[in-house]
Amino acid sequence: TSLDGKPCFLVSDGTGYVARVADAVEEEQLASAVDLIDEARR
């Protein structure tokens, strides 16, 4: 999100630098969620 908490959007064909960074951030967020689920179960 932006500094004031508003959603951020990218208009692109999905092949640029920011799209690749967003893909990497999404993958990290999903992996972190899996780790947190494991921690909660423990």
PDB file of all heavy atoms in Angstrom:
ATOM      1  N   THR A   1       0.851  -1.189   0.000  1.00  0.00           N
ATOM      2  CA  THR A   1       0.000   0.000   0.000  1.00  0.00           C
ATOM      3  C   THR A   1       0.890   1.244   0.000  1.00  0.00           C
ATOM      4  O   THR A   1       2.094   1.162   0.247  1.00  0.00           O
ATOM      5  CB  THR A   1      -0.908   0.037   1.244  1.00  0.00           C
ATOM      6  OG1 THR A   1      -0.092   0.043   2.419  1.00  0.00           O
ATOM      7  CG2 THR A   1      -1.866  -1.140   1.263  1.00  0.00           C
ATOM      8  N   SER A   2       0.256   2.383  -0.239  1.00  0.00           N
ATOM      9  CA  SER A   2       0.973   3.652  -0.172  1.00  0.00           C
ATOM     10  C   SER A   2       1.278   3.976   1.287  1.00  0.00           C
ATOM     11  O   SER A   2       0.800   3.290   2.199  1.00  0.00           O
ATOM     12  CB  SER A   2       0.138   4.765  -0.806  1.00  0.00           C
ATOM     13  OG  SER A   2      -1.015   5.008  -0.013  1.00  0.00           O
ATOM     14  N   LEU A   3       2.032   5.019   1.522  1.00  0.00           N
ATOM     15  CA  LEU A   3       2.381   5.407   2.892  1.00  0.00           C
ATOM     16  C   LEU A   3       1.154   5.712   3.741  1.00  0.00           C
ATOM     17  O   LEU A   3       1.166   5.516   4.954  1.00  0.00           O
ATOM     18  CB  LEU A   3       3.312   6.619   2.877  1.00  0.00           C
ATOM     19  CG  LEU A   3       4.701   6.363   2.284  1.00  0.00           C
ATOM     20  CD1 LEU A   3       5.500   7.653   2.223  1.00  0.00           C
ATOM     21  CD2 LEU A   3       5.449   5.307   3.082  1.00  0.00           C
ATOM     22  N   ASP A   4       0.072   6.173   3.096  1.00  0.00           N
ATOM     23  CA  ASP A   4      -1.155   6.458   3.849  1.00  0.00           C
ATOM     24  C   ASP A   4      -2.143   5.291   3.822  1.00  0.00           C
ATOM     25  O   ASP A   4      -3.307   5.447   4.170  1.00  0.00           O
ATOM     26  CB  ASP A   4      -1.805   7.765   3.381  1.00  0.00           C
ATOM     27  CG  ASP A   4      -2.134   7.781   1.906  1.00  0.00           C
ATOM     28  OD1 ASP A   4      -1.718   6.855   1.176  1.00  0.00           O
ATOM     29  OD2 ASP A   4      -2.795   8.729   1.464  1.00  0.00           O
ATOM     30  N   GLY A   5      -1.677   4.100   3.418  1.00  0.00           N
ATOM     31  CA  GLY A   5      -2.497   2.899   3.494  1.00  0.00           C
ATOM     32  C   GLY A   5      -3.436   2.652   2.327  1.00  0.00           C
ATOM     33  O   GLY A   5      -4.248   1.738   2.374  1.00  0.00           O
ATOM     34  N   LYS A   6      -3.318   3.456   1.276  1.00  0.00           N
ATOM     35  CA  LYS A   6      -4.201   3.273   0.122  1.00  0.00           C
ATOM     36  C   LYS A   6      -3.625   2.211  -0.818  1.00  0.00           C
ATOM     37  O   LYS A   6      -2.412   2.035  -0.899  1.00  0.00           O
ATOM     38  CB  LYS A   6      -4.362   4.593  -0.624  1.00  0.00           C
ATOM     39  CG  LYS A   6      -5.092   5.631   0.191  1.00  0.00           C
ATOM     40  CD  LYS A   6      -5.272   6.917  -0.577  1.00  0.00           C
ATOM     41  CE  LYS A   6      -6.018   7.928   0.297  1.00  0.00           C
ATOM     42  NZ  LYS A   6      -6.116   9.225  -0.361  1.00  0.00           N
ATOM     43  N   PRO A   7      -4.491   1.500  -1.547  1.00  0.00           N
ATOM     44  CA  PRO A   7      -3.995   0.481  -2.470  1.00  0.00           C
ATOM     45  C   PRO A   7      -3.178   1.102  -3.598  1.00  0.00           C
ATOM     46  O   PRO A   7      -3.431   2.229  -4.012  1.00  0.00           O
ATOM     47  CB  PRO A   7      -5.267  -0.181  -3.021  1.00  0.00           C
ATOM     48  CG  PRO A   7      -6.395   0.697  -2.626  1.00  0.00           C
ATOM     49  CD  PRO A   7      -5.943   1.600  -1.539  1.00  0.00           C
ATOM     50  N   CYS A   8      -2.188   0.355  -4.051  1.00  0.00           N
ATOM     51  CA  CYS A   8      -1.356   0.779  -5.176  1.00  0.00           C
ATOM     52  C   CYS A   8      -1.654  -0.125  -6.367  1.00  0.00           C
ATOM     53  O   CYS A   8      -1.858  -1.326  -6.207  1.00  0.00           O
ATOM     54  CB  CYS A   8       0.127   0.658  -4.824  1.00  0.00           C
ATOM     55  SG  CYS A   8       0.665   1.760  -3.527  1.00  0.00           S
ATOM     56  N   PHE A   9      -1.652   0.466  -7.548  1.00  0.00           N
ATOM     57  CA  PHE A   9      -1.928  -0.271  -8.775  1.00  0.00           C
ATOM     58  C   PHE A   9      -0.819  -0.034  -9.779  1.00  0.00           C
ATOM     59  O   PHE A   9      -0.162   1.009  -9.763  1.00  0.00           O
ATOM     60  CB  PHE A   9      -3.268   0.180  -9.383  1.00  0.00           C
ATOM     61  CG  PHE A   9      -4.453  -0.181  -8.535  1.00  0.00           C
ATOM     62  CD1 PHE A   9      -4.911   0.678  -7.547  1.00  0.00           C
ATOM     63  CD2 PHE A   9      -5.108  -1.388  -8.719  1.00  0.00           C
ATOM     64  CE1 PHE A   9      -5.997   0.353  -6.756  1.00  0.00           C
ATOM     65  CE2 PHE A   9      -6.194  -1.732  -7.933  1.00  0.00           C
ATOM     66  CZ  PHE A   9      -6.640  -0.858  -6.950  1.00  0.00           C
ATOM     67  N   LEU A  10      -0.642  -0.995 -10.651  1.00  0.00           N
ATOM     68  CA  LEU A  10       0.302  -0.893 -11.753  1.00  0.00           C
ATOM     69  C   LEU A  10      -0.456  -1.208 -13.031  1.00  0.00           C
ATOM     70  O   LEU A  10      -1.155  -2.224 -13.104  1.00  0.00           O
ATOM     71  CB  LEU A  10       1.440  -1.904 -11.574  1.00  0.00           C
ATOM     72  CG  LEU A  10       2.399  -2.084 -12.750  1.00  0.00           C
ATOM     73  CD1 LEU A  10       3.222  -0.808 -12.961  1.00  0.00           C
ATOM     74  CD2 LEU A  10       3.304  -3.276 -12.515  1.00  0.00           C
ATOM     75  N   VAL A  11      -0.340  -0.349 -14.020  1.00  0.00           N
ATOM     76  CA  VAL A  11      -0.937  -0.627 -15.325  1.00  0.00           C
ATOM     77  C   VAL A  11       0.199  -1.051 -16.242  1.00  0.00           C
ATOM     78  O   VAL A  11       1.093  -0.257 -16.555  1.00  0.00           O
ATOM     79  CB  VAL A  11      -1.673   0.612 -15.889  1.00  0.00           C
ATOM     80  CG1 VAL A  11      -2.216   0.307 -17.281  1.00  0.00           C
ATOM     81  CG2 VAL A  11      -2.792   1.037 -14.959  1.00  0.00           C
ATOM     82  N   SER A  12       0.183  -2.317 -16.614  1.00  0.00           N
ATOM     83  CA  SER A  12       1.244  -2.852 -17.476  1.00  0.00           C
ATOM     84  C   SER A  12       0.781  -4.159 -18.098  1.00  0.00           C
ATOM     85  O   SER A  12      -0.301  -4.659 -17.802  1.00  0.00           O
ATOM     86  CB  SER A  12       2.535  -3.082 -16.676  1.00  0.00           C
ATOM     87  OG  SER A  12       2.480  -4.295 -15.958  1.00  0.00           O
ATOM     88  N   ASP A  13       1.646  -4.702 -18.942  1.00  0.00           N
ATOM     89  CA  ASP A  13       1.351  -6.006 -19.533  1.00  0.00           C
ATOM     90  C   ASP A  13       1.880  -7.146 -18.664  1.00  0.00           C
ATOM     91  O   ASP A  13       1.795  -8.308 -19.032  1.00  0.00           O
ATOM     92  CB  ASP A  13       1.914  -6.098 -20.950  1.00  0.00           C
ATOM     93  CG  ASP A  13       3.437  -6.016 -20.985  1.00  0.00           C
ATOM     94  OD1 ASP A  13       4.065  -5.892 -19.923  1.00  0.00           O
ATOM     95  OD2 ASP A  13       3.992  -6.053 -22.098  1.00  0.00           O
ATOM     96  N   GLY A  14       2.443  -6.804 -17.501  1.00  0.00           N
ATOM     97  CA  GLY A  14       2.909  -7.821 -16.568  1.00  0.00           C
ATOM     98  C   GLY A  14       4.326  -8.293 -16.793  1.00  0.00           C
ATOM     99  O   GLY A  14       4.767  -9.241 -16.147  1.00  0.00           O
ATOM    100  N   THR A  15       5.085  -7.641 -17.670  1.00  0.00           N
ATOM    101  CA  THR A  15       6.428  -8.112 -17.977  1.00  0.00           C
ATOM    102  C   THR A  15       7.534  -7.178 -17.499  1.00  0.00           C
ATOM    103  O   THR A  15       8.695  -7.498 -17.628  1.00  0.00           O
ATOM    104  CB  THR A  15       6.604  -8.316 -19.494  1.00  0.00           C
ATOM    105  OG1 THR A  15       6.412  -7.054 -20.148  1.00  0.00           O
ATOM    106  CG2 THR A  15       5.619  -9.341 -20.028  1.00  0.00           C
ATOM    107  N   GLY A  16       7.189  -6.037 -16.938  1.00  0.00           N
ATOM    108  CA  GLY A  16       8.193  -5.049 -16.549  1.00  0.00           C
ATOM    109  C   GLY A  16       8.814  -5.311 -15.188  1.00  0.00           C
ATOM    110  O   GLY A  16       8.461  -6.250 -14.468  1.00  0.00           O
ATOM    111  N   TYR A  17       9.734  -4.430 -14.821  1.00  0.00           N
ATOM    112  CA  TYR A  17      10.478  -4.544 -13.569  1.00  0.00           C
ATOM    113  C   TYR A  17       9.552  -4.518 -12.357  1.00  0.00           C
ATOM    114  O   TYR A  17       9.666  -5.370 -11.465  1.00  0.00           O
ATOM    115  CB  TYR A  17      11.523  -3.423 -13.477  1.00  0.00           C
ATOM    116  CG  TYR A  17      12.243  -3.399 -12.162  1.00  0.00           C
ATOM    117  CD1 TYR A  17      13.239  -4.339 -11.885  1.00  0.00           C
ATOM    118  CD2 TYR A  17      11.919  -2.467 -11.182  1.00  0.00           C
ATOM    119  CE1 TYR A  17      13.894  -4.344 -10.667  1.00  0.00           C
ATOM    120  CE2 TYR A  17      12.572  -2.463  -9.959  1.00  0.00           C
ATOM    121  CZ  TYR A  17      13.558  -3.401  -9.705  1.00  0.00           C
ATOM    122  OH  TYR A  17      14.202  -3.403  -8.496  1.00  0.00           O
ATOM    123  N   VAL A  18       8.649  -3.552 -12.288  1.00  0.00           N
ATOM    124  CA  VAL A  18       7.770  -3.435 -11.118  1.00  0.00           C
ATOM    125  C   VAL A  18       6.872  -4.668 -11.009  1.00  0.00           C
ATOM    126  O   VAL A  18       6.613  -5.166  -9.905  1.00  0.00           O
ATOM    127  CB  VAL A  18       6.942  -2.134 -11.157  1.00  0.00           C
ATOM    128  CG1 VAL A  18       5.955  -2.073 -10.006  1.00  0.00           C
ATOM    129  CG2 VAL A  18       7.867  -0.917 -11.120  1.00  0.00           C
ATOM    130  N   ALA A  19       6.411  -5.190 -12.123  1.00  0.00           N
ATOM    131  CA  ALA A  19       5.590  -6.410 -12.101  1.00  0.00           C
ATOM    132  C   ALA A  19       6.395  -7.586 -11.547  1.00  0.00           C
ATOM    133  O   ALA A  19       5.869  -8.384 -10.761  1.00  0.00           O
ATOM    134  CB  ALA A  19       5.069  -6.733 -13.500  1.00  0.00           C
ATOM    135  N   ARG A  20       7.666  -7.687 -11.923  1.00  0.00           N
ATOM    136  CA  ARG A  20       8.507  -8.774 -11.406  1.00  0.00           C
ATOM    137  C   ARG A  20       8.767  -8.599  -9.913  1.00  0.00           C
ATOM    138  O   ARG A  20       8.771  -9.575  -9.155  1.00  0.00           O
ATOM    139  CB  ARG A  20       9.816  -8.860 -12.194  1.00  0.00           C
ATOM    140  CG  ARG A  20       9.619  -9.372 -13.625  1.00  0.00           C
ATOM    141  CD  ARG A  20      10.936  -9.709 -14.312  1.00  0.00           C
ATOM    142  NE  ARG A  20      11.902  -8.626 -14.317  1.00  0.00           N
ATOM    143  CZ  ARG A  20      11.958  -7.655 -15.223  1.00  0.00           C
ATOM    144  NH1 ARG A  20      11.093  -7.638 -16.212  1.00  0.00           N
ATOM    145  NH2 ARG A  20      12.897  -6.721 -15.154  1.00  0.00           N
ATOM    146  N   VAL A  21       8.977  -7.357  -9.471  1.00  0.00           N
ATOM    147  CA  VAL A  21       9.155  -7.103  -8.036  1.00  0.00           C
ATOM    148  C   VAL A  21       7.872  -7.483  -7.292  1.00  0.00           C
ATOM    149  O   VAL A  21       7.918  -8.126  -6.237  1.00  0.00           O
ATOM    150  CB  VAL A  21       9.536  -5.625  -7.772  1.00  0.00           C
ATOM    151  CG1 VAL A  21       9.475  -5.304  -6.284  1.00  0.00           C
ATOM    152  CG2 VAL A  21      10.921  -5.322  -8.330  1.00  0.00           C
ATOM    153  N   ALA A  22       6.718  -7.100  -7.835  1.00  0.00           N
ATOM    154  CA  ALA A  22       5.437  -7.437  -7.214  1.00  0.00           C
ATOM    155  C   ALA A  22       5.257  -8.954  -7.132  1.00  0.00           C
ATOM    156  O   ALA A  22       4.785  -9.467  -6.102  1.00  0.00           O
ATOM    157  CB  ALA A  22       4.279  -6.802  -7.986  1.00  0.00           C
ATOM    158  N   ASP A  23       5.623  -9.671  -8.184  1.00  0.00           N
ATOM    159  CA  ASP A  23       5.543 -11.134  -8.157  1.00  0.00           C
ATOM    160  C   ASP A  23       6.401 -11.700  -7.024  1.00  0.00           C
ATOM    161  O   ASP A  23       5.968 -12.596  -6.294  1.00  0.00           O
ATOM    162  CB  ASP A  23       6.010 -11.730  -9.488  1.00  0.00           C
ATOM    163  CG  ASP A  23       5.059 -11.476 -10.634  1.00  0.00           C
ATOM    164  OD1 ASP A  23       3.877 -11.156 -10.386  1.00  0.00           O
ATOM    165  OD2 ASP A  23       5.507 -11.594 -11.801  1.00  0.00           O
ATOM    166  N   ALA A  24       7.623 -11.170  -6.877  1.00  0.00           N
ATOM    167  CA  ALA A  24       8.531 -11.652  -5.836  1.00  0.00           C
ATOM    168  C   ALA A  24       7.984 -11.331  -4.445  1.00  0.00           C
ATOM    169  O   ALA A  24       8.051 -12.176  -3.534  1.00  0.00           O
ATOM    170  CB  ALA A  24       9.920 -11.035  -6.021  1.00  0.00           C
ATOM    171  N   VAL A  25       7.425 -10.148  -4.276  1.00  0.00           N
ATOM    172  CA  VAL A  25       6.844  -9.769  -2.979  1.00  0.00           C
ATOM    173  C   VAL A  25       5.659 -10.672  -2.657  1.00  0.00           C
ATOM    174  O   VAL A  25       5.513 -11.149  -1.523  1.00  0.00           O
ATOM    175  CB  VAL A  25       6.444  -8.280  -2.962  1.00  0.00           C
ATOM    176  CG1 VAL A  25       5.624  -7.940  -1.726  1.00  0.00           C
ATOM    177  CG2 VAL A  25       7.682  -7.393  -3.037  1.00  0.00           C
ATOM    178  N   GLU A  26       4.804 -10.932  -3.644  1.00  0.00           N
ATOM    179  CA  GLU A  26       3.657 -11.824  -3.419  1.00  0.00           C
ATOM    180  C   GLU A  26       4.120 -13.206  -2.991  1.00  0.00           C
ATOM    181  O   GLU A  26       3.557 -13.794  -2.056  1.00  0.00           O
ATOM    182  CB  GLU A  26       2.805 -11.938  -4.688  1.00  0.00           C
ATOM    183  CG  GLU A  26       1.941 -10.746  -4.976  1.00  0.00           C
ATOM    184  CD  GLU A  26       1.096 -10.923  -6.222  1.00  0.00           C
ATOM    185  OE1 GLU A  26       1.297 -11.910  -6.972  1.00  0.00           O
ATOM    186  OE2 GLU A  26       0.225 -10.069  -6.453  1.00  0.00           O
ATOM    187  N   GLU A  27       5.133 -13.737  -3.656  1.00  0.00           N
ATOM    188  CA  GLU A  27       5.632 -15.071  -3.307  1.00  0.00           C
ATOM    189  C   GLU A  27       6.176 -15.083  -1.880  1.00  0.00           C
ATOM    190  O   GLU A  27       5.954 -16.034  -1.133  1.00  0.00           O
ATOM    191  CB  GLU A  27       6.701 -15.533  -4.296  1.00  0.00           C
ATOM    192  CG  GLU A  27       6.149 -15.856  -5.672  1.00  0.00           C
ATOM    193  CD  GLU A  27       5.013 -16.871  -5.642  1.00  0.00           C
ATOM    194  OE1 GLU A  27       5.112 -17.892  -4.915  1.00  0.00           O
ATOM    195  OE2 GLU A  27       4.012 -16.640  -6.335  1.00  0.00           O
ATOM    196  N   GLU A  28       6.882 -14.023  -1.483  1.00  0.00           N
ATOM    197  CA  GLU A  28       7.407 -13.929  -0.125  1.00  0.00           C
ATOM    198  C   GLU A  28       6.268 -13.830   0.888  1.00  0.00           C
ATOM    199  O   GLU A  28       6.310 -14.452   1.961  1.00  0.00           O
ATOM    200  CB  GLU A  28       8.346 -12.734   0.014  1.00  0.00           C
ATOM    201  CG  GLU A  28       8.926 -12.569   1.395  1.00  0.00           C
ATOM    202  CD  GLU A  28       9.709 -13.769   1.895  1.00  0.00           C
ATOM    203  OE1 GLU A  28      10.375 -14.441   1.088  1.00  0.00           O
ATOM    204  OE2 GLU A  28       9.641 -14.051   3.110  1.00  0.00           O
ATOM    205  N   GLN A  29       5.237 -13.059   0.573  1.00  0.00           N
ATOM    206  CA  GLN A  29       4.098 -12.942   1.480  1.00  0.00           C
ATOM    207  C   GLN A  29       3.402 -14.284   1.662  1.00  0.00           C
ATOM    208  O   GLN A  29       3.023 -14.655   2.782  1.00  0.00           O
ATOM    209  CB  GLN A  29       3.109 -11.895   0.954  1.00  0.00           C
ATOM    210  CG  GLN A  29       3.618 -10.483   1.078  1.00  0.00           C
ATOM    211  CD  GLN A  29       2.720  -9.472   0.393  1.00  0.00           C
ATOM    212  OE1 GLN A  29       2.039  -9.789  -0.587  1.00  0.00           O
ATOM    213  NE2 GLN A  29       2.713  -8.250   0.894  1.00  0.00           N
ATOM    214  N   LEU A  30       3.228 -15.023   0.575  1.00  0.00           N
ATOM    215  CA  LEU A  30       2.588 -16.331   0.668  1.00  0.00           C
ATOM    216  C   LEU A  30       3.446 -17.314   1.459  1.00  0.00           C
ATOM    217  O   LEU A  30       2.930 -18.087   2.280  1.00  0.00           O
ATOM    218  CB  LEU A  30       2.281 -16.871  -0.730  1.00  0.00           C
ATOM    219  CG  LEU A  30       1.253 -16.079  -1.532  1.00  0.00           C
ATOM    220  CD1 LEU A  30       1.148 -16.621  -2.961  1.00  0.00           C
ATOM    221  CD2 LEU A  30      -0.108 -16.079  -0.858  1.00  0.00           C
ATOM    222  N   ALA A  31       4.753 -17.278   1.241  1.00  0.00           N
ATOM    223  CA  ALA A  31       5.655 -18.164   1.983  1.00  0.00           C
ATOM    224  C   ALA A  31       5.657 -17.813   3.466  1.00  0.00           C
ATOM    225  O   ALA A  31       5.664 -18.710   4.327  1.00  0.00           O
ATOM    226  CB  ALA A  31       7.067 -18.067   1.413  1.00  0.00           C
ATOM    227  N   SER A  32       5.623 -16.525   3.776  1.00  0.00           N
ATOM    228  CA  SER A  32       5.574 -16.099   5.180  1.00  0.00           C
ATOM    229  C   SER A  32       4.289 -16.568   5.847  1.00  0.00           C
ATOM    230  O   SER A  32       4.292 -16.952   7.030  1.00  0.00           O
ATOM    231  CB  SER A  32       5.689 -14.583   5.284  1.00  0.00           C
ATOM    232  OG  SER A  32       6.967 -14.162   4.878  1.00  0.00           O
ATOM    233  N   ALA A  33       3.192 -16.533   5.115  1.00  0.00           N
ATOM    234  CA  ALA A  33       1.914 -16.993   5.662  1.00  0.00           C
ATOM    235  C   ALA A  33       1.978 -18.484   5.986  1.00  0.00           C
ATOM    236  O   ALA A  33       1.479 -18.916   7.028  1.00  0.00           O
ATOM    237  CB  ALA A  33       0.777 -16.705   4.686  1.00  0.00           C
ATOM    238  N   VAL A  34       2.606 -19.270   5.125  1.00  0.00           N
ATOM    239  CA  VAL A  34       2.750 -20.705   5.375  1.00  0.00           C
ATOM    240  C   VAL A  34       3.587 -20.929   6.637  1.00  0.00           C
ATOM    241  O   VAL A  34       3.238 -21.756   7.491  1.00  0.00           O
ATOM    242  CB  VAL A  34       3.380 -21.423   4.159  1.00  0.00           C
ATOM    243  CG1 VAL A  34       3.783 -22.849   4.493  1.00  0.00           C
ATOM    244  CG2 VAL A  34       2.421 -21.411   2.984  1.00  0.00           C
ATOM    245  N   ASP A  35       4.682 -20.173   6.767  1.00  0.00           N
ATOM    246  CA  ASP A  35       5.514 -20.290   7.967  1.00  0.00           C
ATOM    247  C   ASP A  35       4.720 -19.934   9.219  1.00  0.00           C
ATOM    248  O   ASP A  35       4.846 -20.587  10.262  1.00  0.00           O
ATOM    249  CB  ASP A  35       6.742 -19.382   7.863  1.00  0.00           C
ATOM    250  CG  ASP A  35       7.724 -19.827   6.797  1.00  0.00           C
ATOM    251  OD1 ASP A  35       7.649 -20.993   6.350  1.00  0.00           O
ATOM    252  OD2 ASP A  35       8.577 -18.996   6.410  1.00  0.00           O
ATOM    253  N   LEU A  36       3.904 -18.904   9.133  1.00  0.00           N
ATOM    254  CA  LEU A  36       3.107 -18.473  10.283  1.00  0.00           C
ATOM    255  C   LEU A  36       2.043 -19.516  10.637  1.00  0.00           C
ATOM    256  O   LEU A  36       1.770 -19.760  11.820  1.00  0.00           O
ATOM    257  CB  LEU A  36       2.462 -17.119   9.990  1.00  0.00           C
ATOM    258  CG  LEU A  36       1.791 -16.414  11.150  1.00  0.00           C
ATOM    259  CD1 LEU A  36       2.719 -16.278  12.346  1.00  0.00           C
ATOM    260  CD2 LEU A  36       1.305 -15.049  10.710  1.00  0.00           C
ATOM    261  N   ILE A  37       1.466 -20.141   9.643  1.00  0.00           N
ATOM    262  CA  ILE A  37       0.500 -21.222   9.905  1.00  0.00           C
ATOM    263  C   ILE A  37       1.192 -22.358  10.655  1.00  0.00           C
ATOM    264  O   ILE A  37       0.650 -22.896  11.629  1.00  0.00           O
ATOM    265  CB  ILE A  37      -0.126 -21.731   8.587  1.00  0.00           C
ATOM    266  CG1 ILE A  37      -1.053 -20.660   8.000  1.00  0.00           C
ATOM    267  CG2 ILE A  37      -0.862 -23.047   8.807  1.00  0.00           C
ATOM    268  CD1 ILE A  37      -1.465 -20.940   6.560  1.00  0.00           C
ATOM    269  N   ASP A  38       2.395 -22.718  10.215  1.00  0.00           N
ATOM    270  CA  ASP A  38       3.151 -23.769  10.907  1.00  0.00           C
ATOM    271  C   ASP A  38       3.437 -23.377  12.356  1.00  0.00           C
ATOM    272  O   ASP A  38       3.319 -24.194  13.266  1.00  0.00           O
ATOM    273  CB  ASP A  38       4.466 -24.060  10.172  1.00  0.00           C
ATOM    274  CG  ASP A  38       4.262 -24.725   8.824  1.00  0.00           C
ATOM    275  OD1 ASP A  38       3.164 -25.285   8.582  1.00  0.00           O
ATOM    276  OD2 ASP A  38       5.200 -24.677   8.003  1.00  0.00           O
ATOM    277  N   GLU A  39       3.823 -22.115  12.564  1.00  0.00           N
ATOM    278  CA  GLU A  39       4.088 -21.629  13.912  1.00  0.00           C
ATOM    279  C   GLU A  39       2.823 -21.679  14.777  1.00  0.00           C
ATOM    280  O   GLU A  39       2.870 -22.098  15.931  1.00  0.00           O
ATOM    281  CB  GLU A  39       4.635 -20.197  13.866  1.00  0.00           C
ATOM    282  CG  GLU A  39       4.865 -19.567  15.213  1.00  0.00           C
ATOM    283  CD  GLU A  39       5.926 -20.254  16.048  1.00  0.00           C
ATOM    284  OE1 GLU A  39       6.754 -21.014  15.489  1.00  0.00           O
ATOM    285  OE2 GLU A  39       5.929 -20.052  17.278  1.00  0.00           O
ATOM    286  N   ALA A  40       1.700 -21.277  14.211  1.00  0.00           N
ATOM    287  CA  ALA A  40       0.435 -21.315  14.952  1.00  0.00           C
ATOM    288  C   ALA A  40       0.099 -22.755  15.353  1.00  0.00           C
ATOM    289  O   ALA A  40      -0.326 -23.001  16.491  1.00  0.00           O
ATOM    290  CB  ALA A  40      -0.694 -20.721  14.106  1.00  0.00           C
ATOM    291  N   ARG A  41       0.312 -23.681  14.455  1.00  0.00           N
ATOM    292  CA  ARG A  41       0.031 -25.088  14.775  1.00  0.00           C
ATOM    293  C   ARG A  41       0.922 -25.580  15.913  1.00  0.00           C
ATOM    294  O   ARG A  41       0.468 -26.321  16.790  1.00  0.00           O
ATOM    295  CB  ARG A  41       0.195 -25.956  13.527  1.00  0.00           C
ATOM    296  CG  ARG A  41      -0.936 -25.772  12.546  1.00  0.00           C
ATOM    297  CD  ARG A  41      -0.796 -26.677  11.345  1.00  0.00           C
ATOM    298  NE  ARG A  41      -1.989 -26.564  10.505  1.00  0.00           N
ATOM    299  CZ  ARG A  41      -1.978 -26.613   9.191  1.00  0.00           C
ATOM    300  NH1 ARG A  41      -0.853 -26.816   8.537  1.00  0.00           N
ATOM    301  NH2 ARG A  41      -3.096 -26.494   8.506  1.00  0.00           N
ATOM    302  N   ARG A  42       2.210 -25.163  15.902  1.00  0.00           N
ATOM    303  CA  ARG A  42       3.116 -25.560  16.980  1.00  0.00           C
ATOM    304  C   ARG A  42       2.672 -24.959  18.321  1.00  0.00           C
ATOM    305  O   ARG A  42       2.666 -25.647  19.349  1.00  0.00           O
ATOM    306  CB  ARG A  42       4.552 -25.119  16.661  1.00  0.00           C
ATOM    307  CG  ARG A  42       5.292 -26.044  15.716  1.00  0.00           C
ATOM    308  CD  ARG A  42       6.785 -25.744  15.686  1.00  0.00           C
ATOM    309  NE  ARG A  42       7.073 -24.398  15.173  1.00  0.00           N
ATOM    310  CZ  ARG A  42       7.141 -24.070  13.887  1.00  0.00           C
ATOM    311  NH1 ARG A  42       6.932 -25.000  12.968  1.00  0.00           N
ATOM    312  NH2 ARG A  42       7.418 -22.847  13.514  1.00  0.00           N
TER     313      ARG A  42
END
